[in-house]
Amino acid sequence: MSNGKKEPDDFDEEELIRSEFESIVSGLSLDESAPTTYLDDLDRIDEEKFIQPNPPKQSPKGFINSAKRAINRWLNRDYHEDDGVAL
């Protein structure tokens, strides 16, 4: 008979869930203090002053010759595994 009182042997799922939740939460650290923030990291990157490479300008003829040399090197390479490139 159930008279609203729980027997000691009864399985209390809600109490089990509550105790599991409390054990998980007790192990969490809610301390969000950190030595730096994302914005500090962005400022530091700006301070490092990345210098973009600036190759010398080529004439159209020099550019075409450079492309021909690159294509010839690719066609005459020793190792011919399929790299997905097709000419």
PDB file of N, CA and C in Angstrom:
ATOM      1  N   MET A   1       0.833  -1.180   0.000  1.00  0.00           N
ATOM      2  CA  MET A   1       0.000   0.000   0.000  1.00  0.00           C
ATOM      3  C   MET A   1       0.876   1.240   0.000  1.00  0.00           C
ATOM      4  N   SER A   2       0.419   2.189  -0.745  1.00  0.00           N
ATOM      5  CA  SER A   2       1.169   3.430  -0.826  1.00  0.00           C
ATOM      6  C   SER A   2       0.410   4.500  -0.071  1.00  0.00           C
ATOM      7  N   ASN A   3       1.007   5.025   0.987  1.00  0.00           N
ATOM      8  CA  ASN A   3       0.344   6.062   1.757  1.00  0.00           C
ATOM      9  C   ASN A   3       1.047   7.411   1.602  1.00  0.00           C
ATOM     10  N   GLY A   4       1.864   7.561   0.528  1.00  0.00           N
ATOM     11  CA  GLY A   4       2.533   8.824   0.284  1.00  0.00           C
ATOM     12  C   GLY A   4       3.927   8.866   0.883  1.00  0.00           C
ATOM     13  N   LYS A   5       4.217   7.982   1.837  1.00  0.00           N
ATOM     14  CA  LYS A   5       5.546   7.947   2.424  1.00  0.00           C
ATOM     15  C   LYS A   5       6.393   6.962   1.645  1.00  0.00           C
ATOM     16  N   LYS A   6       7.648   7.271   1.518  1.00  0.00           N
ATOM     17  CA  LYS A   6       8.551   6.404   0.767  1.00  0.00           C
ATOM     18  C   LYS A   6       9.162   5.396   1.714  1.00  0.00           C
ATOM     19  N   GLU A   7       9.195   4.199   1.257  1.00  0.00           N
ATOM     20  CA  GLU A   7       9.851   3.149   2.022  1.00  0.00           C
ATOM     21  C   GLU A   7      11.356   3.352   1.927  1.00  0.00           C
ATOM     22  N   PRO A   8      12.145   2.945   2.909  1.00  0.00           N
ATOM     23  CA  PRO A   8      13.589   3.104   2.852  1.00  0.00           C
ATOM     24  C   PRO A   8      14.218   2.328   1.707  1.00  0.00           C
ATOM     25  N   ASP A   9      13.596   1.260   1.286  1.00  0.00           N
ATOM     26  CA  ASP A   9      14.148   0.455   0.206  1.00  0.00           C
ATOM     27  C   ASP A   9      13.765   0.976  -1.177  1.00  0.00           C
ATOM     28  N   ASP A  10      12.843   1.943  -1.233  1.00  0.00           N
ATOM     29  CA  ASP A  10      12.393   2.463  -2.525  1.00  0.00           C
ATOM     30  C   ASP A  10      13.535   3.208  -3.228  1.00  0.00           C
ATOM     31  N   PHE A  11      13.566   3.070  -4.550  1.00  0.00           N
ATOM     32  CA  PHE A  11      14.569   3.726  -5.369  1.00  0.00           C
ATOM     33  C   PHE A  11      14.088   5.141  -5.655  1.00  0.00           C
ATOM     34  N   ASP A  12      14.846   6.144  -5.238  1.00  0.00           N
ATOM     35  CA  ASP A  12      14.467   7.542  -5.460  1.00  0.00           C
ATOM     36  C   ASP A  12      15.338   8.104  -6.581  1.00  0.00           C
ATOM     37  N   GLU A  13      14.816   8.080  -7.782  1.00  0.00           N
ATOM     38  CA  GLU A  13      15.566   8.518  -8.954  1.00  0.00           C
ATOM     39  C   GLU A  13      15.900  10.004  -8.880  1.00  0.00           C
ATOM     40  N   GLU A  14      14.985  10.813  -8.386  1.00  0.00           N
ATOM     41  CA  GLU A  14      15.223  12.252  -8.305  1.00  0.00           C
ATOM     42  C   GLU A  14      16.389  12.556  -7.350  1.00  0.00           C
ATOM     43  N   GLU A  15      16.434  11.883  -6.239  1.00  0.00           N
ATOM     44  CA  GLU A  15      17.529  12.089  -5.282  1.00  0.00           C
ATOM     45  C   GLU A  15      18.863  11.632  -5.874  1.00  0.00           C
ATOM     46  N   LEU A  16      18.850  10.551  -6.629  1.00  0.00           N
ATOM     47  CA  LEU A  16      20.059  10.067  -7.279  1.00  0.00           C
ATOM     48  C   LEU A  16      20.563  11.079  -8.314  1.00  0.00           C
ATOM     49  N   ILE A  17      19.665  11.614  -9.102  1.00  0.00           N
ATOM     50  CA  ILE A  17      20.036  12.624 -10.103  1.00  0.00           C
ATOM     51  C   ILE A  17      20.591  13.861  -9.411  1.00  0.00           C
ATOM     52  N   ARG A  18      19.943  14.302  -8.347  1.00  0.00           N
ATOM     53  CA  ARG A  18      20.387  15.481  -7.612  1.00  0.00           C
ATOM     54  C   ARG A  18      21.794  15.272  -7.046  1.00  0.00           C
ATOM     55  N   SER A  19      22.036  14.112  -6.464  1.00  0.00           N
ATOM     56  CA  SER A  19      23.352  13.857  -5.878  1.00  0.00           C
ATOM     57  C   SER A  19      24.435  13.756  -6.961  1.00  0.00           C
ATOM     58  N   GLU A  20      24.110  13.159  -8.111  1.00  0.00           N
ATOM     59  CA  GLU A  20      25.069  13.095  -9.217  1.00  0.00           C
ATOM     60  C   GLU A  20      25.385  14.493  -9.732  1.00  0.00           C
ATOM     61  N   PHE A  21      24.361  15.324  -9.878  1.00  0.00           N
ATOM     62  CA  PHE A  21      24.554  16.693 -10.339  1.00  0.00           C
ATOM     63  C   PHE A  21      25.431  17.476  -9.369  1.00  0.00           C
ATOM     64  N   GLU A  22      25.157  17.354  -8.081  1.00  0.00           N
ATOM     65  CA  GLU A  22      25.952  18.065  -7.080  1.00  0.00           C
ATOM     66  C   GLU A  22      27.401  17.608  -7.087  1.00  0.00           C
ATOM     67  N   SER A  23      27.641  16.315  -7.303  1.00  0.00           N
ATOM     68  CA  SER A  23      29.020  15.830  -7.327  1.00  0.00           C
ATOM     69  C   SER A  23      29.756  16.350  -8.560  1.00  0.00           C
ATOM     70  N   ILE A  24      29.050  16.478  -9.683  1.00  0.00           N
ATOM     71  CA  ILE A  24      29.670  17.018 -10.896  1.00  0.00           C
ATOM     72  C   ILE A  24      29.961  18.505 -10.717  1.00  0.00           C
ATOM     73  N   VAL A  25      28.988  19.255 -10.220  1.00  0.00           N
ATOM     74  CA  VAL A  25      29.133  20.696 -10.059  1.00  0.00           C
ATOM     75  C   VAL A  25      30.205  21.028  -9.024  1.00  0.00           C
ATOM     76  N   SER A  26      30.336  20.225  -7.995  1.00  0.00           N
ATOM     77  CA  SER A  26      31.328  20.526  -6.954  1.00  0.00           C
ATOM     78  C   SER A  26      32.752  20.451  -7.503  1.00  0.00           C
ATOM     79  N   GLY A  27      32.965  19.694  -8.588  1.00  0.00           N
ATOM     80  CA  GLY A  27      34.288  19.584  -9.173  1.00  0.00           C
ATOM     81  C   GLY A  27      34.609  20.672 -10.171  1.00  0.00           C
ATOM     82  N   LEU A  28      33.629  21.496 -10.520  1.00  0.00           N
ATOM     83  CA  LEU A  28      33.861  22.557 -11.498  1.00  0.00           C
ATOM     84  C   LEU A  28      34.467  23.783 -10.839  1.00  0.00           C
ATOM     85  N   SER A  29      35.332  24.439 -11.585  1.00  0.00           N
ATOM     86  CA  SER A  29      35.893  25.705 -11.125  1.00  0.00           C
ATOM     87  C   SER A  29      35.261  26.809 -11.947  1.00  0.00           C
ATOM     88  N   LEU A  30      34.598  27.709 -11.275  1.00  0.00           N
ATOM     89  CA  LEU A  30      33.922  28.809 -11.960  1.00  0.00           C
ATOM     90  C   LEU A  30      34.786  30.066 -11.988  1.00  0.00           C
ATOM     91  N   ASP A  31      36.065  29.910 -11.647  1.00  0.00           N
ATOM     92  CA  ASP A  31      36.990  31.036 -11.661  1.00  0.00           C
ATOM     93  C   ASP A  31      37.354  31.348 -13.104  1.00  0.00           C
ATOM     94  N   GLU A  32      36.908  32.491 -13.589  1.00  0.00           N
ATOM     95  CA  GLU A  32      37.160  32.869 -14.976  1.00  0.00           C
ATOM     96  C   GLU A  32      38.337  33.824 -15.107  1.00  0.00           C
ATOM     97  N   SER A  33      39.044  34.078 -14.021  1.00  0.00           N
ATOM     98  CA  SER A  33      40.168  34.994 -14.105  1.00  0.00           C
ATOM     99  C   SER A  33      41.311  34.312 -14.835  1.00  0.00           C
ATOM    100  N   ALA A  34      41.903  35.014 -15.762  1.00  0.00           N
ATOM    101  CA  ALA A  34      43.022  34.499 -16.535  1.00  0.00           C
ATOM    102  C   ALA A  34      44.043  35.616 -16.652  1.00  0.00           C
ATOM    103  N   PRO A  35      45.317  35.261 -16.834  1.00  0.00           N
ATOM    104  CA  PRO A  35      46.324  36.316 -16.942  1.00  0.00           C
ATOM    105  C   PRO A  35      46.117  37.210 -18.161  1.00  0.00           C
ATOM    106  N   THR A  36      45.566  36.676 -19.242  1.00  0.00           N
ATOM    107  CA  THR A  36      45.302  37.490 -20.428  1.00  0.00           C
ATOM    108  C   THR A  36      43.924  37.157 -20.970  1.00  0.00           C
ATOM    109  N   THR A  37      43.421  38.062 -21.779  1.00  0.00           N
ATOM    110  CA  THR A  37      42.139  37.838 -22.438  1.00  0.00           C
ATOM    111  C   THR A  37      42.372  37.732 -23.934  1.00  0.00           C
ATOM    112  N   TYR A  38      41.338  37.410 -24.646  1.00  0.00           N
ATOM    113  CA  TYR A  38      41.416  37.316 -26.105  1.00  0.00           C
ATOM    114  C   TYR A  38      41.838  38.655 -26.703  1.00  0.00           C
ATOM    115  N   LEU A  39      41.307  39.745 -26.159  1.00  0.00           N
ATOM    116  CA  LEU A  39      41.660  41.070 -26.680  1.00  0.00           C
ATOM    117  C   LEU A  39      43.127  41.391 -26.413  1.00  0.00           C
ATOM    118  N   ASP A  40      43.653  40.950 -25.253  1.00  0.00           N
ATOM    119  CA  ASP A  40      45.081  41.141 -24.983  1.00  0.00           C
ATOM    120  C   ASP A  40      45.922  40.400 -26.005  1.00  0.00           C
ATOM    121  N   ASP A  41      45.495  39.187 -26.359  1.00  0.00           N
ATOM    122  CA  ASP A  41      46.226  38.409 -27.359  1.00  0.00           C
ATOM    123  C   ASP A  41      46.221  39.114 -28.713  1.00  0.00           C
ATOM    124  N   LEU A  42      45.082  39.703 -29.088  1.00  0.00           N
ATOM    125  CA  LEU A  42      45.014  40.435 -30.360  1.00  0.00           C
ATOM    126  C   LEU A  42      45.933  41.652 -30.343  1.00  0.00           C
ATOM    127  N   ASP A  43      45.971  42.353 -29.224  1.00  0.00           N
ATOM    128  CA  ASP A  43      46.875  43.503 -29.113  1.00  0.00           C
ATOM    129  C   ASP A  43      48.325  43.067 -29.228  1.00  0.00           C
ATOM    130  N   ARG A  44      48.675  41.935 -28.638  1.00  0.00           N
ATOM    131  CA  ARG A  44      50.047  41.440 -28.690  1.00  0.00           C
ATOM    132  C   ARG A  44      50.417  41.098 -30.129  1.00  0.00           C
ATOM    133  N   ILE A  45      49.506  40.537 -30.888  1.00  0.00           N
ATOM    134  CA  ILE A  45      49.778  40.210 -32.293  1.00  0.00           C
ATOM    135  C   ILE A  45      50.051  41.489 -33.070  1.00  0.00           C
ATOM    136  N   ASP A  46      49.287  42.543 -32.793  1.00  0.00           N
ATOM    137  CA  ASP A  46      49.519  43.826 -33.466  1.00  0.00           C
ATOM    138  C   ASP A  46      50.890  44.380 -33.114  1.00  0.00           C
ATOM    139  N   GLU A  47      51.336  44.155 -31.885  1.00  0.00           N
ATOM    140  CA  GLU A  47      52.638  44.661 -31.455  1.00  0.00           C
ATOM    141  C   GLU A  47      53.785  43.915 -32.135  1.00  0.00           C
ATOM    142  N   GLU A  48      53.545  42.655 -32.525  1.00  0.00           N
ATOM    143  CA  GLU A  48      54.602  41.879 -33.164  1.00  0.00           C
ATOM    144  C   GLU A  48      54.895  42.382 -34.570  1.00  0.00           C
ATOM    145  N   LYS A  49      53.998  43.137 -35.140  1.00  0.00           N
ATOM    146  CA  LYS A  49      54.184  43.775 -36.441  1.00  0.00           C
ATOM    147  C   LYS A  49      54.618  42.786 -37.525  1.00  0.00           C
ATOM    148  N   PHE A  50      53.676  42.002 -37.981  1.00  0.00           N
ATOM    149  CA  PHE A  50      53.935  41.086 -39.078  1.00  0.00           C
ATOM    150  C   PHE A  50      54.344  41.885 -40.307  1.00  0.00           C
ATOM    151  N   ILE A  51      55.459  41.491 -40.909  1.00  0.00           N
ATOM    152  CA  ILE A  51      55.931  42.164 -42.117  1.00  0.00           C
ATOM    153  C   ILE A  51      55.600  41.272 -43.302  1.00  0.00           C
ATOM    154  N   GLN A  52      54.698  41.753 -44.115  1.00  0.00           N
ATOM    155  CA  GLN A  52      54.252  40.990 -45.268  1.00  0.00           C
ATOM    156  C   GLN A  52      55.377  40.918 -46.295  1.00  0.00           C
ATOM    157  N   PRO A  53      55.619  39.725 -46.865  1.00  0.00           N
ATOM    158  CA  PRO A  53      56.667  39.624 -47.875  1.00  0.00           C
ATOM    159  C   PRO A  53      56.329  40.487 -49.091  1.00  0.00           C
ATOM    160  N   ASN A  54      57.337  41.091 -49.663  1.00  0.00           N
ATOM    161  CA  ASN A  54      57.133  41.965 -50.805  1.00  0.00           C
ATOM    162  C   ASN A  54      58.109  41.547 -51.912  1.00  0.00           C
ATOM    163  N   PRO A  55      57.723  40.529 -52.703  1.00  0.00           N
ATOM    164  CA  PRO A  55      58.635  40.079 -53.755  1.00  0.00           C
ATOM    165  C   PRO A  55      58.797  41.156 -54.826  1.00  0.00           C
ATOM    166  N   PRO A  56      59.939  41.141 -55.495  1.00  0.00           N
ATOM    167  CA  PRO A  56      60.141  42.149 -56.546  1.00  0.00           C
ATOM    168  C   PRO A  56      59.161  41.937 -57.699  1.00  0.00           C
ATOM    169  N   LYS A  57      58.790  43.014 -58.343  1.00  0.00           N
ATOM    170  CA  LYS A  57      57.865  42.932 -59.477  1.00  0.00           C
ATOM    171  C   LYS A  57      58.542  42.245 -60.654  1.00  0.00           C
ATOM    172  N   GLN A  58      57.748  41.482 -61.401  1.00  0.00           N
ATOM    173  CA  GLN A  58      58.255  40.807 -62.593  1.00  0.00           C
ATOM    174  C   GLN A  58      57.616  41.423 -63.825  1.00  0.00           C
ATOM    175  N   SER A  59      58.361  41.364 -64.878  1.00  0.00           N
ATOM    176  CA  SER A  59      57.791  41.790 -66.155  1.00  0.00           C
ATOM    177  C   SER A  59      56.878  40.668 -66.639  1.00  0.00           C
ATOM    178  N   PRO A  60      55.973  40.956 -67.560  1.00  0.00           N
ATOM    179  CA  PRO A  60      55.113  39.890 -68.085  1.00  0.00           C
ATOM    180  C   PRO A  60      55.933  38.728 -68.669  1.00  0.00           C
ATOM    181  N   LYS A  61      57.024  39.052 -69.375  1.00  0.00           N
ATOM    182  CA  LYS A  61      57.860  38.003 -69.956  1.00  0.00           C
ATOM    183  C   LYS A  61      58.518  37.172 -68.847  1.00  0.00           C
ATOM    184  N   GLY A  62      58.985  37.815 -67.783  1.00  0.00           N
ATOM    185  CA  GLY A  62      59.591  37.110 -66.659  1.00  0.00           C
ATOM    186  C   GLY A  62      58.583  36.218 -65.954  1.00  0.00           C
ATOM    187  N   PHE A  63      57.346  36.697 -65.835  1.00  0.00           N
ATOM    188  CA  PHE A  63      56.291  35.902 -65.205  1.00  0.00           C
ATOM    189  C   PHE A  63      55.998  34.649 -66.025  1.00  0.00           C
ATOM    190  N   ILE A  64      55.899  34.791 -67.332  1.00  0.00           N
ATOM    191  CA  ILE A  64      55.629  33.641 -68.210  1.00  0.00           C
ATOM    192  C   ILE A  64      56.780  32.648 -68.149  1.00  0.00           C
ATOM    193  N   ASN A  65      58.018  33.135 -68.170  1.00  0.00           N
ATOM    194  CA  ASN A  65      59.166  32.243 -68.072  1.00  0.00           C
ATOM    195  C   ASN A  65      59.186  31.505 -66.733  1.00  0.00           C
ATOM    196  N   SER A  66      58.840  32.189 -65.648  1.00  0.00           N
ATOM    197  CA  SER A  66      58.777  31.561 -64.331  1.00  0.00           C
ATOM    198  C   SER A  66      57.705  30.473 -64.300  1.00  0.00           C
ATOM    199  N   ALA A  67      56.562  30.741 -64.919  1.00  0.00           N
ATOM    200  CA  ALA A  67      55.485  29.748 -64.980  1.00  0.00           C
ATOM    201  C   ALA A  67      55.911  28.541 -65.796  1.00  0.00           C
ATOM    202  N   LYS A  68      56.600  28.764 -66.919  1.00  0.00           N
ATOM    203  CA  LYS A  68      57.085  27.649 -67.750  1.00  0.00           C
ATOM    204  C   LYS A  68      58.056  26.777 -66.965  1.00  0.00           C
ATOM    205  N   ARG A  69      58.981  27.409 -66.227  1.00  0.00           N
ATOM    206  CA  ARG A  69      59.937  26.630 -65.432  1.00  0.00           C
ATOM    207  C   ARG A  69      59.218  25.805 -64.361  1.00  0.00           C
ATOM    208  N   ALA A  70      58.214  26.389 -63.714  1.00  0.00           N
ATOM    209  CA  ALA A  70      57.469  25.668 -62.680  1.00  0.00           C
ATOM    210  C   ALA A  70      56.718  24.480 -63.280  1.00  0.00           C
ATOM    211  N   ILE A  71      56.111  24.665 -64.451  1.00  0.00           N
ATOM    212  CA  ILE A  71      55.376  23.572 -65.107  1.00  0.00           C
ATOM    213  C   ILE A  71      56.339  22.473 -65.529  1.00  0.00           C
ATOM    214  N   ASN A  72      57.479  22.858 -66.096  1.00  0.00           N
ATOM    215  CA  ASN A  72      58.474  21.851 -66.500  1.00  0.00           C
ATOM    216  C   ASN A  72      59.009  21.073 -65.307  1.00  0.00           C
ATOM    217  N   ARG A  73      59.258  21.773 -64.191  1.00  0.00           N
ATOM    218  CA  ARG A  73      59.701  21.067 -62.979  1.00  0.00           C
ATOM    219  C   ARG A  73      58.640  20.090 -62.518  1.00  0.00           C
ATOM    220  N   TRP A  74      57.369  20.476 -62.596  1.00  0.00           N
ATOM    221  CA  TRP A  74      56.286  19.596 -62.158  1.00  0.00           C
ATOM    222  C   TRP A  74      56.164  18.389 -63.088  1.00  0.00           C
ATOM    223  N   LEU A  75      56.244  18.608 -64.404  1.00  0.00           N
ATOM    224  CA  LEU A  75      56.115  17.519 -65.365  1.00  0.00           C
ATOM    225  C   LEU A  75      57.305  16.560 -65.299  1.00  0.00           C
ATOM    226  N   ASN A  76      58.485  17.054 -64.994  1.00  0.00           N
ATOM    227  CA  ASN A  76      59.694  16.233 -65.009  1.00  0.00           C
ATOM    228  C   ASN A  76      60.141  15.807 -63.613  1.00  0.00           C
ATOM    229  N   ARG A  77      59.231  15.803 -62.658  1.00  0.00           N
ATOM    230  CA  ARG A  77      59.597  15.377 -61.315  1.00  0.00           C
ATOM    231  C   ARG A  77      59.778  13.867 -61.286  1.00  0.00           C
ATOM    232  N   ASP A  78      60.529  13.373 -60.318  1.00  0.00           N
ATOM    233  CA  ASP A  78      60.805  11.944 -60.228  1.00  0.00           C
ATOM    234  C   ASP A  78      59.641  11.167 -59.642  1.00  0.00           C
ATOM    235  N   TYR A  79      58.909  11.758 -58.741  1.00  0.00           N
ATOM    236  CA  TYR A  79      57.855  11.050 -58.022  1.00  0.00           C
ATOM    237  C   TYR A  79      56.510  11.450 -58.608  1.00  0.00           C
ATOM    238  N   HIS A  80      55.763  10.492 -59.186  1.00  0.00           N
ATOM    239  CA  HIS A  80      54.515  10.814 -59.895  1.00  0.00           C
ATOM    240  C   HIS A  80      53.291  10.227 -59.222  1.00  0.00           C
ATOM    241  N   GLU A  81      53.106  10.498 -57.943  1.00  0.00           N
ATOM    242  CA  GLU A  81      51.878  10.066 -57.300  1.00  0.00           C
ATOM    243  C   GLU A  81      50.770  11.010 -57.739  1.00  0.00           C
ATOM    244  N   ASP A  82      49.560  10.472 -57.889  1.00  0.00           N
ATOM    245  CA  ASP A  82      48.454  11.302 -58.338  1.00  0.00           C
ATOM    246  C   ASP A  82      48.160  12.358 -57.267  1.00  0.00           C
ATOM    247  N   ASP A  83      48.418  13.604 -57.588  1.00  0.00           N
ATOM    248  CA  ASP A  83      48.188  14.674 -56.622  1.00  0.00           C
ATOM    249  C   ASP A  83      46.931  15.479 -56.941  1.00  0.00           C
ATOM    250  N   GLY A  84      46.141  15.010 -57.875  1.00  0.00           N
ATOM    251  CA  GLY A  84      44.883  15.665 -58.190  1.00  0.00           C
ATOM    252  C   GLY A  84      44.998  16.800 -59.186  1.00  0.00           C
ATOM    253  N   VAL A  85      46.216  17.064 -59.656  1.00  0.00           N
ATOM    254  CA  VAL A  85      46.420  18.158 -60.601  1.00  0.00           C
ATOM    255  C   VAL A  85      46.422  17.588 -62.011  1.00  0.00           C
ATOM    256  N   ALA A  86      45.696  18.233 -62.904  1.00  0.00           N
ATOM    257  CA  ALA A  86      45.658  17.794 -64.286  1.00  0.00           C
ATOM    258  C   ALA A  86      45.896  18.990 -65.180  1.00  0.00           C
ATOM    259  N   LEU A  87      46.755  18.794 -66.145  1.00  0.00           N
ATOM    260  CA  LEU A  87      47.010  19.862 -67.116  1.00  0.00           C
ATOM    261  C   LEU A  87      46.388  19.512 -68.442  1.00  0.00           C
TER     262      LEU A  87
END
